[in-house]
Amino acid sequence: MSESQIYDTLRQALWIAVLMSAPLLTVALVAGVAIGLFQALTSVQEMTLTFVAKVGAMLVVFWVSMSFMTSTLVGFFHDRI
């Protein structure tokens, strides 16, 4: 395996990692901002509210996007190996 193939594989692997993590990170960001805005408007400073809502939203998105993540990884490994 040449040096350019190693760099190309690494570049593709990093891009796939970004693609797979983007839905989860986006939902975590949106949920965090929405809950933070709710807490600021209502003066409710409960840490459990932030944690449970964010984890719940991320679990739902993870479950929905599992087929996309699996097919992306299988395609990557099928092309590279």
C-alpha atoms as a PDB file:
ATOM      1  CA  MET A   1       0.000   0.000   0.000  1.00  0.00           C
ATOM      2  CA  SER A   2       1.483   3.298  -1.063  1.00  0.00           C
ATOM      3  CA  GLU A   3       1.643   6.467   0.966  1.00  0.00           C
ATOM      4  CA  SER A   4      -1.012   8.181  -1.159  1.00  0.00           C
ATOM      5  CA  GLN A   5      -3.435   5.298  -0.618  1.00  0.00           C
ATOM      6  CA  ILE A   6      -2.927   5.520   3.132  1.00  0.00           C
ATOM      7  CA  TYR A   7      -3.617   9.257   3.114  1.00  0.00           C
ATOM      8  CA  ASP A   8      -6.657   8.810   0.893  1.00  0.00           C
ATOM      9  CA  THR A   9      -8.051   6.100   3.178  1.00  0.00           C
ATOM     10  CA  LEU A  10      -7.439   8.278   6.226  1.00  0.00           C
ATOM     11  CA  ARG A  11      -9.110  11.262   4.543  1.00  0.00           C
ATOM     12  CA  GLN A  12     -12.156   9.188   3.640  1.00  0.00           C
ATOM     13  CA  ALA A  13     -12.339   7.704   7.137  1.00  0.00           C
ATOM     14  CA  LEU A  14     -12.282  11.152   8.728  1.00  0.00           C
ATOM     15  CA  TRP A  15     -14.958  12.409   6.346  1.00  0.00           C
ATOM     16  CA  ILE A  16     -17.175   9.412   7.139  1.00  0.00           C
ATOM     17  CA  ALA A  17     -16.664  10.070  10.855  1.00  0.00           C
ATOM     18  CA  VAL A  18     -17.845  13.649  10.306  1.00  0.00           C
ATOM     19  CA  LEU A  19     -20.868  12.477   8.298  1.00  0.00           C
ATOM     20  CA  MET A  20     -21.841   9.913  10.920  1.00  0.00           C
ATOM     21  CA  SER A  21     -21.488  12.269  13.872  1.00  0.00           C
ATOM     22  CA  ALA A  22     -23.198  15.262  12.248  1.00  0.00           C
ATOM     23  CA  PRO A  23     -26.824  14.235  12.979  1.00  0.00           C
ATOM     24  CA  LEU A  24     -26.097  13.488  16.637  1.00  0.00           C
ATOM     25  CA  LEU A  25     -24.084  16.638  17.193  1.00  0.00           C
ATOM     26  CA  THR A  26     -26.687  18.776  15.432  1.00  0.00           C
ATOM     27  CA  VAL A  27     -29.491  17.416  17.588  1.00  0.00           C
ATOM     28  CA  ALA A  28     -27.414  17.880  20.742  1.00  0.00           C
ATOM     29  CA  LEU A  29     -26.733  21.494  19.766  1.00  0.00           C
ATOM     30  CA  VAL A  30     -30.357  22.289  18.910  1.00  0.00           C
ATOM     31  CA  ALA A  31     -31.680  20.558  22.027  1.00  0.00           C
ATOM     32  CA  GLY A  32     -29.144  22.321  24.225  1.00  0.00           C
ATOM     33  CA  VAL A  33     -30.000  25.743  22.813  1.00  0.00           C
ATOM     34  CA  ALA A  34     -33.753  25.104  23.054  1.00  0.00           C
ATOM     35  CA  ILE A  35     -33.543  23.846  26.630  1.00  0.00           C
ATOM     36  CA  GLY A  36     -31.194  26.673  27.590  1.00  0.00           C
ATOM     37  CA  LEU A  37     -33.635  29.195  26.153  1.00  0.00           C
ATOM     38  CA  PHE A  38     -36.499  27.520  28.027  1.00  0.00           C
ATOM     39  CA  GLN A  39     -34.510  27.597  31.257  1.00  0.00           C
ATOM     40  CA  ALA A  40     -33.613  31.249  30.781  1.00  0.00           C
ATOM     41  CA  LEU A  41     -37.212  32.237  30.061  1.00  0.00           C
ATOM     42  CA  THR A  42     -38.726  30.317  32.988  1.00  0.00           C
ATOM     43  CA  SER A  43     -35.853  30.620  35.506  1.00  0.00           C
ATOM     44  CA  VAL A  44     -35.865  26.842  35.964  1.00  0.00           C
ATOM     45  CA  GLN A  45     -32.256  25.843  36.651  1.00  0.00           C
ATOM     46  CA  GLU A  46     -32.568  22.068  36.779  1.00  0.00           C
ATOM     47  CA  MET A  47     -29.566  20.152  35.409  1.00  0.00           C
ATOM     48  CA  THR A  48     -31.547  16.918  35.061  1.00  0.00           C
ATOM     49  CA  LEU A  49     -33.903  18.579  32.580  1.00  0.00           C
ATOM     50  CA  THR A  50     -31.002  19.429  30.296  1.00  0.00           C
ATOM     51  CA  PHE A  51     -29.365  16.023  30.533  1.00  0.00           C
ATOM     52  CA  VAL A  52     -32.437  13.824  30.132  1.00  0.00           C
ATOM     53  CA  ALA A  53     -33.931  15.796  27.254  1.00  0.00           C
ATOM     54  CA  LYS A  54     -30.642  15.958  25.366  1.00  0.00           C
ATOM     55  CA  VAL A  55     -29.875  12.260  25.814  1.00  0.00           C
ATOM     56  CA  GLY A  56     -33.426  11.316  24.836  1.00  0.00           C
ATOM     57  CA  ALA A  57     -33.272  13.379  21.658  1.00  0.00           C
ATOM     58  CA  MET A  58     -29.887  11.932  20.774  1.00  0.00           C
ATOM     59  CA  LEU A  59     -31.119   8.359  21.306  1.00  0.00           C
ATOM     60  CA  VAL A  60     -34.080   8.961  18.987  1.00  0.00           C
ATOM     61  CA  VAL A  61     -31.847  10.418  16.270  1.00  0.00           C
ATOM     62  CA  PHE A  62     -29.323   7.617  16.726  1.00  0.00           C
ATOM     63  CA  TRP A  63     -32.042   5.028  16.278  1.00  0.00           C
ATOM     64  CA  VAL A  64     -33.462   6.773  13.200  1.00  0.00           C
ATOM     65  CA  SER A  65     -30.069   7.272  11.550  1.00  0.00           C
ATOM     66  CA  MET A  66     -28.693   3.826  12.375  1.00  0.00           C
ATOM     67  CA  SER A  67     -29.379   2.463   8.877  1.00  0.00           C
ATOM     68  CA  PHE A  68     -27.572   5.431   7.302  1.00  0.00           C
ATOM     69  CA  MET A  69     -24.580   4.944   9.589  1.00  0.00           C
ATOM     70  CA  THR A  70     -24.443   1.209   8.960  1.00  0.00           C
ATOM     71  CA  SER A  71     -24.690   1.523   5.184  1.00  0.00           C
ATOM     72  CA  THR A  72     -22.022   4.237   5.175  1.00  0.00           C
ATOM     73  CA  LEU A  73     -19.591   2.108   7.170  1.00  0.00           C
ATOM     74  CA  VAL A  74     -20.315  -1.027   5.147  1.00  0.00           C
ATOM     75  CA  GLY A  75     -19.766   0.897   1.915  1.00  0.00           C
ATOM     76  CA  PHE A  76     -16.489   2.325   3.170  1.00  0.00           C
ATOM     77  CA  PHE A  77     -15.130  -1.041   4.292  1.00  0.00           C
ATOM     78  CA  HIS A  78     -16.388  -2.749   1.145  1.00  0.00           C
ATOM     79  CA  ASP A  79     -14.541  -0.226  -1.048  1.00  0.00           C
ATOM     80  CA  ARG A  80     -11.345  -0.248   0.998  1.00  0.00           C
ATOM     81  CA  ILE A  81     -10.907  -3.910   1.971  1.00  0.00           C
END
